[in-house]
């Protein structure tokens, strides 16, 4: 399974994620087949996270992308299918090095 994001879209998407990480100082943790990324609240953080996740769902549908909010803190969870925890590892590597 692989991401279907087009080569032309990759750099701009990565730039948006990097900007979000600069303004929202996330912490990331990978446990088994689930990546949890917690963002600091701020103007437009939740909205941008929701927009980015909607786009990721279209190109990386082999994992489950979920955005929630706990006490005002935006949280992203990326979950691998049962029996395939390795599918979330490449995604986790990106979040854990850009955060």
N, C-alpha and C. Protein backbone atom coordinates (compact mmCIF):
# COMPACT_ATOMS: atom_id res chain seq x y z
N UNK A 1 0.85 -1.17 0.00
CA UNK A 1 0.00 0.00 0.00
C UNK A 1 0.89 1.23 0.00
N UNK A 2 0.46 2.23 -0.74
CA UNK A 2 1.29 3.42 -0.87
C UNK A 2 0.42 4.66 -0.98
N UNK A 3 1.03 5.77 -0.68
CA UNK A 3 0.38 7.07 -0.82
C UNK A 3 0.18 7.36 -2.30
N UNK A 4 -0.97 7.92 -2.64
CA UNK A 4 -1.25 8.24 -4.04
C UNK A 4 -1.13 9.74 -4.33
N UNK A 5 -0.51 10.48 -3.44
CA UNK A 5 -0.31 11.92 -3.63
C UNK A 5 0.56 12.15 -4.85
N UNK A 6 0.14 13.03 -5.72
CA UNK A 6 0.91 13.33 -6.92
C UNK A 6 2.20 14.07 -6.59
N UNK A 7 3.19 13.87 -7.44
CA UNK A 7 4.51 14.49 -7.23
C UNK A 7 4.42 16.01 -7.17
N UNK A 8 3.50 16.59 -7.93
CA UNK A 8 3.36 18.05 -7.93
C UNK A 8 2.76 18.58 -6.63
N UNK A 9 2.00 17.75 -5.94
CA UNK A 9 1.33 18.19 -4.71
C UNK A 9 2.16 17.97 -3.45
N UNK A 10 3.13 17.08 -3.51
CA UNK A 10 3.91 16.71 -2.34
C UNK A 10 4.60 17.86 -1.63
N UNK A 11 5.38 18.68 -2.35
CA UNK A 11 6.09 19.76 -1.67
C UNK A 11 5.17 20.77 -0.97
N UNK A 12 4.06 21.13 -1.61
CA UNK A 12 3.18 22.10 -0.98
C UNK A 12 2.47 21.51 0.24
N UNK A 13 2.11 20.23 0.18
CA UNK A 13 1.49 19.58 1.33
C UNK A 13 2.47 19.50 2.49
N UNK A 14 3.69 19.09 2.20
CA UNK A 14 4.72 19.00 3.24
C UNK A 14 4.97 20.37 3.86
N UNK A 15 4.97 21.41 3.04
CA UNK A 15 5.17 22.77 3.55
C UNK A 15 4.04 23.17 4.50
N UNK A 16 2.81 22.79 4.19
CA UNK A 16 1.68 23.10 5.07
C UNK A 16 1.82 22.37 6.41
N UNK A 17 2.22 21.09 6.37
CA UNK A 17 2.43 20.35 7.61
C UNK A 17 3.55 20.99 8.43
N UNK A 18 4.64 21.37 7.77
CA UNK A 18 5.76 21.99 8.48
C UNK A 18 5.34 23.30 9.13
N UNK A 19 4.55 24.10 8.43
CA UNK A 19 4.07 25.36 9.00
C UNK A 19 3.19 25.09 10.22
N UNK A 20 2.30 24.11 10.11
CA UNK A 20 1.45 23.77 11.25
C UNK A 20 2.31 23.34 12.45
N UNK A 21 3.35 22.58 12.18
CA UNK A 21 4.22 22.13 13.27
C UNK A 21 5.00 23.30 13.87
N UNK A 22 5.34 24.29 13.08
CA UNK A 22 6.05 25.46 13.61
C UNK A 22 5.17 26.27 14.53
N UNK A 23 3.90 26.43 14.17
CA UNK A 23 3.02 27.29 14.98
C UNK A 23 2.34 26.55 16.12
N UNK A 24 2.28 25.21 16.06
CA UNK A 24 1.50 24.48 17.06
C UNK A 24 2.33 23.50 17.90
N UNK A 25 3.64 23.46 17.72
CA UNK A 25 4.57 22.68 18.55
C UNK A 25 4.02 21.33 18.99
N UNK A 26 3.80 20.42 18.06
CA UNK A 26 3.20 19.14 18.42
C UNK A 26 4.17 18.20 19.13
N UNK A 27 3.59 17.26 19.86
CA UNK A 27 4.35 16.14 20.39
C UNK A 27 3.74 14.88 19.77
N UNK A 28 4.59 13.94 19.41
CA UNK A 28 4.12 12.73 18.73
C UNK A 28 4.56 11.50 19.49
N UNK A 29 3.70 10.49 19.47
CA UNK A 29 4.00 9.23 20.13
C UNK A 29 3.43 8.10 19.27
N UNK A 30 4.24 7.09 19.05
CA UNK A 30 3.82 5.91 18.29
C UNK A 30 3.73 4.74 19.24
N UNK A 31 2.55 4.17 19.34
CA UNK A 31 2.34 3.00 20.19
C UNK A 31 1.65 1.94 19.34
N UNK A 32 2.38 0.88 19.09
CA UNK A 32 1.82 -0.18 18.24
C UNK A 32 1.50 0.38 16.87
N UNK A 33 0.29 0.22 16.45
CA UNK A 33 -0.13 0.69 15.13
C UNK A 33 -0.85 2.02 15.16
N UNK A 34 -0.64 2.82 16.22
CA UNK A 34 -1.31 4.13 16.28
C UNK A 34 -0.32 5.24 16.58
N UNK A 35 -0.38 6.26 15.76
CA UNK A 35 0.38 7.48 15.97
C UNK A 35 -0.56 8.51 16.58
N UNK A 36 -0.13 9.13 17.67
CA UNK A 36 -0.91 10.20 18.27
C UNK A 36 -0.07 11.46 18.26
N UNK A 37 -0.62 12.53 17.70
CA UNK A 37 0.08 13.81 17.62
C UNK A 37 -0.80 14.85 18.31
N UNK A 38 -0.26 15.47 19.35
CA UNK A 38 -0.99 16.49 20.11
C UNK A 38 -0.42 17.86 19.78
N UNK A 39 -1.31 18.77 19.39
CA UNK A 39 -0.92 20.12 18.99
C UNK A 39 -1.30 21.12 20.07
N UNK A 40 -0.51 22.17 20.19
CA UNK A 40 -0.87 23.27 21.07
C UNK A 40 -2.01 24.04 20.42
N UNK A 41 -3.01 24.44 21.20
CA UNK A 41 -4.11 25.20 20.63
C UNK A 41 -3.64 26.56 20.11
N UNK A 42 -4.31 27.05 19.13
CA UNK A 42 -4.00 28.36 18.58
C UNK A 42 -4.98 28.70 17.48
N UNK A 43 -4.97 29.96 17.06
CA UNK A 43 -5.87 30.37 15.98
C UNK A 43 -5.65 29.52 14.73
N UNK A 44 -6.70 28.96 14.23
CA UNK A 44 -6.70 28.20 12.98
C UNK A 44 -5.96 26.86 13.03
N UNK A 45 -5.43 26.45 14.18
CA UNK A 45 -4.71 25.17 14.26
C UNK A 45 -5.66 24.02 13.96
N UNK A 46 -6.79 23.97 14.65
CA UNK A 46 -7.74 22.87 14.44
C UNK A 46 -8.26 22.87 13.01
N UNK A 47 -8.60 24.03 12.48
CA UNK A 47 -9.13 24.11 11.11
C UNK A 47 -8.10 23.64 10.09
N UNK A 48 -6.86 24.05 10.24
CA UNK A 48 -5.81 23.63 9.30
C UNK A 48 -5.55 22.13 9.43
N UNK A 49 -5.54 21.63 10.65
CA UNK A 49 -5.35 20.20 10.86
C UNK A 49 -6.47 19.41 10.20
N UNK A 50 -7.70 19.85 10.37
CA UNK A 50 -8.83 19.17 9.74
C UNK A 50 -8.73 19.20 8.21
N UNK A 51 -8.33 20.33 7.65
CA UNK A 51 -8.17 20.44 6.19
C UNK A 51 -7.08 19.50 5.69
N UNK A 52 -5.94 19.49 6.37
CA UNK A 52 -4.84 18.61 5.96
C UNK A 52 -5.23 17.14 6.05
N UNK A 53 -5.91 16.78 7.11
CA UNK A 53 -6.32 15.39 7.29
C UNK A 53 -7.33 14.98 6.22
N UNK A 54 -8.23 15.87 5.84
CA UNK A 54 -9.17 15.55 4.76
C UNK A 54 -8.40 15.23 3.47
N UNK A 55 -7.35 15.96 3.21
CA UNK A 55 -6.53 15.70 2.02
C UNK A 55 -5.75 14.40 2.16
N UNK A 56 -5.23 14.13 3.36
CA UNK A 56 -4.47 12.90 3.59
C UNK A 56 -5.36 11.67 3.45
N UNK A 57 -6.60 11.78 3.87
CA UNK A 57 -7.52 10.65 3.73
C UNK A 57 -7.69 10.25 2.27
N UNK A 58 -7.62 11.22 1.38
CA UNK A 58 -7.79 10.93 -0.04
C UNK A 58 -6.58 10.22 -0.64
N UNK A 59 -5.39 10.52 -0.16
CA UNK A 59 -4.19 9.93 -0.78
C UNK A 59 -3.58 8.80 0.05
N UNK A 60 -3.88 8.74 1.32
CA UNK A 60 -3.32 7.70 2.19
C UNK A 60 -4.46 7.00 2.93
N UNK A 61 -5.37 6.43 2.16
CA UNK A 61 -6.57 5.82 2.72
C UNK A 61 -6.32 4.46 3.35
N UNK A 62 -5.09 3.96 3.28
CA UNK A 62 -4.78 2.65 3.85
C UNK A 62 -4.63 2.70 5.36
N UNK A 63 -4.65 3.91 5.95
CA UNK A 63 -4.67 4.09 7.40
C UNK A 63 -5.86 4.97 7.74
N UNK A 64 -6.26 4.97 9.01
CA UNK A 64 -7.39 5.78 9.45
C UNK A 64 -6.88 7.08 10.07
N UNK A 65 -7.35 8.21 9.54
CA UNK A 65 -6.96 9.53 10.02
C UNK A 65 -8.12 10.10 10.84
N UNK A 66 -7.87 10.47 12.10
CA UNK A 66 -8.91 10.99 12.98
C UNK A 66 -8.41 12.26 13.67
N UNK A 67 -9.25 13.28 13.69
CA UNK A 67 -8.94 14.51 14.42
C UNK A 67 -9.99 14.67 15.52
N UNK A 68 -9.50 14.88 16.74
CA UNK A 68 -10.38 15.16 17.86
C UNK A 68 -9.83 16.37 18.60
N UNK A 69 -10.57 16.77 19.61
CA UNK A 69 -10.12 17.89 20.44
C UNK A 69 -10.44 17.55 21.89
N UNK A 70 -9.44 17.64 22.75
CA UNK A 70 -9.62 17.40 24.18
C UNK A 70 -9.20 18.64 24.95
N UNK A 71 -10.14 19.22 25.65
CA UNK A 71 -9.87 20.44 26.43
C UNK A 71 -9.20 21.51 25.59
N UNK A 72 -9.66 21.66 24.36
CA UNK A 72 -9.13 22.69 23.47
C UNK A 72 -7.87 22.30 22.72
N UNK A 73 -7.32 21.13 23.00
CA UNK A 73 -6.09 20.70 22.34
C UNK A 73 -6.41 19.80 21.15
N UNK A 74 -6.03 20.23 19.93
CA UNK A 74 -6.24 19.38 18.76
C UNK A 74 -5.35 18.14 18.81
N UNK A 75 -5.94 17.00 18.46
CA UNK A 75 -5.21 15.73 18.49
C UNK A 75 -5.46 14.99 17.18
N UNK A 76 -4.37 14.55 16.57
CA UNK A 76 -4.43 13.72 15.37
C UNK A 76 -4.06 12.30 15.76
N UNK A 77 -4.86 11.35 15.29
CA UNK A 77 -4.53 9.94 15.44
C UNK A 77 -4.52 9.30 14.06
N UNK A 78 -3.44 8.60 13.78
CA UNK A 78 -3.32 7.86 12.53
C UNK A 78 -3.18 6.40 12.94
N UNK A 79 -4.15 5.59 12.52
CA UNK A 79 -4.22 4.21 12.98
C UNK A 79 -4.10 3.24 11.82
N UNK A 80 -3.23 2.26 11.98
CA UNK A 80 -3.05 1.22 10.97
C UNK A 80 -4.17 0.19 11.09
N UNK A 81 -4.45 -0.52 10.00
CA UNK A 81 -5.43 -1.60 10.08
C UNK A 81 -4.95 -2.70 11.03
N UNK A 82 -5.89 -3.42 11.60
CA UNK A 82 -5.56 -4.53 12.49
C UNK A 82 -4.66 -5.51 11.75
N UNK A 83 -3.59 -5.90 12.40
CA UNK A 83 -2.66 -6.86 11.82
C UNK A 83 -1.59 -6.26 10.92
N UNK A 84 -1.62 -4.94 10.74
CA UNK A 84 -0.63 -4.29 9.87
C UNK A 84 -0.08 -3.01 10.50
N UNK A 85 0.44 -3.08 11.73
CA UNK A 85 0.92 -1.87 12.39
C UNK A 85 2.06 -1.19 11.65
N UNK A 86 2.78 -1.92 10.84
CA UNK A 86 3.90 -1.36 10.09
C UNK A 86 3.46 -0.29 9.09
N UNK A 87 2.19 -0.28 8.70
CA UNK A 87 1.73 0.70 7.71
C UNK A 87 1.76 2.13 8.21
N UNK A 88 1.71 2.32 9.52
CA UNK A 88 1.72 3.68 10.06
C UNK A 88 3.16 4.17 10.33
N UNK A 89 4.12 3.28 10.32
CA UNK A 89 5.50 3.65 10.67
C UNK A 89 6.11 4.72 9.76
N UNK A 90 5.98 4.65 8.43
CA UNK A 90 6.56 5.71 7.59
C UNK A 90 5.91 7.08 7.85
N UNK A 91 4.62 7.07 8.14
CA UNK A 91 3.92 8.33 8.44
C UNK A 91 4.42 8.85 9.79
N UNK A 92 4.54 7.98 10.76
CA UNK A 92 5.02 8.38 12.08
C UNK A 92 6.42 8.97 11.99
N UNK A 93 7.26 8.40 11.16
CA UNK A 93 8.63 8.91 11.01
C UNK A 93 8.63 10.36 10.56
N UNK A 94 7.72 10.71 9.67
CA UNK A 94 7.63 12.10 9.21
C UNK A 94 7.20 13.03 10.34
N UNK A 95 6.23 12.62 11.11
CA UNK A 95 5.73 13.47 12.19
C UNK A 95 6.73 13.59 13.32
N UNK A 96 7.47 12.56 13.57
CA UNK A 96 8.39 12.57 14.70
C UNK A 96 9.69 13.29 14.37
N UNK A 97 9.95 13.58 13.09
CA UNK A 97 11.16 14.32 12.74
C UNK A 97 10.86 15.77 12.40
N UNK A 98 9.59 16.11 12.09
CA UNK A 98 9.27 17.50 11.76
C UNK A 98 8.67 18.24 12.94
N UNK A 99 8.33 17.55 14.01
CA UNK A 99 7.68 18.16 15.15
C UNK A 99 8.59 18.84 16.00
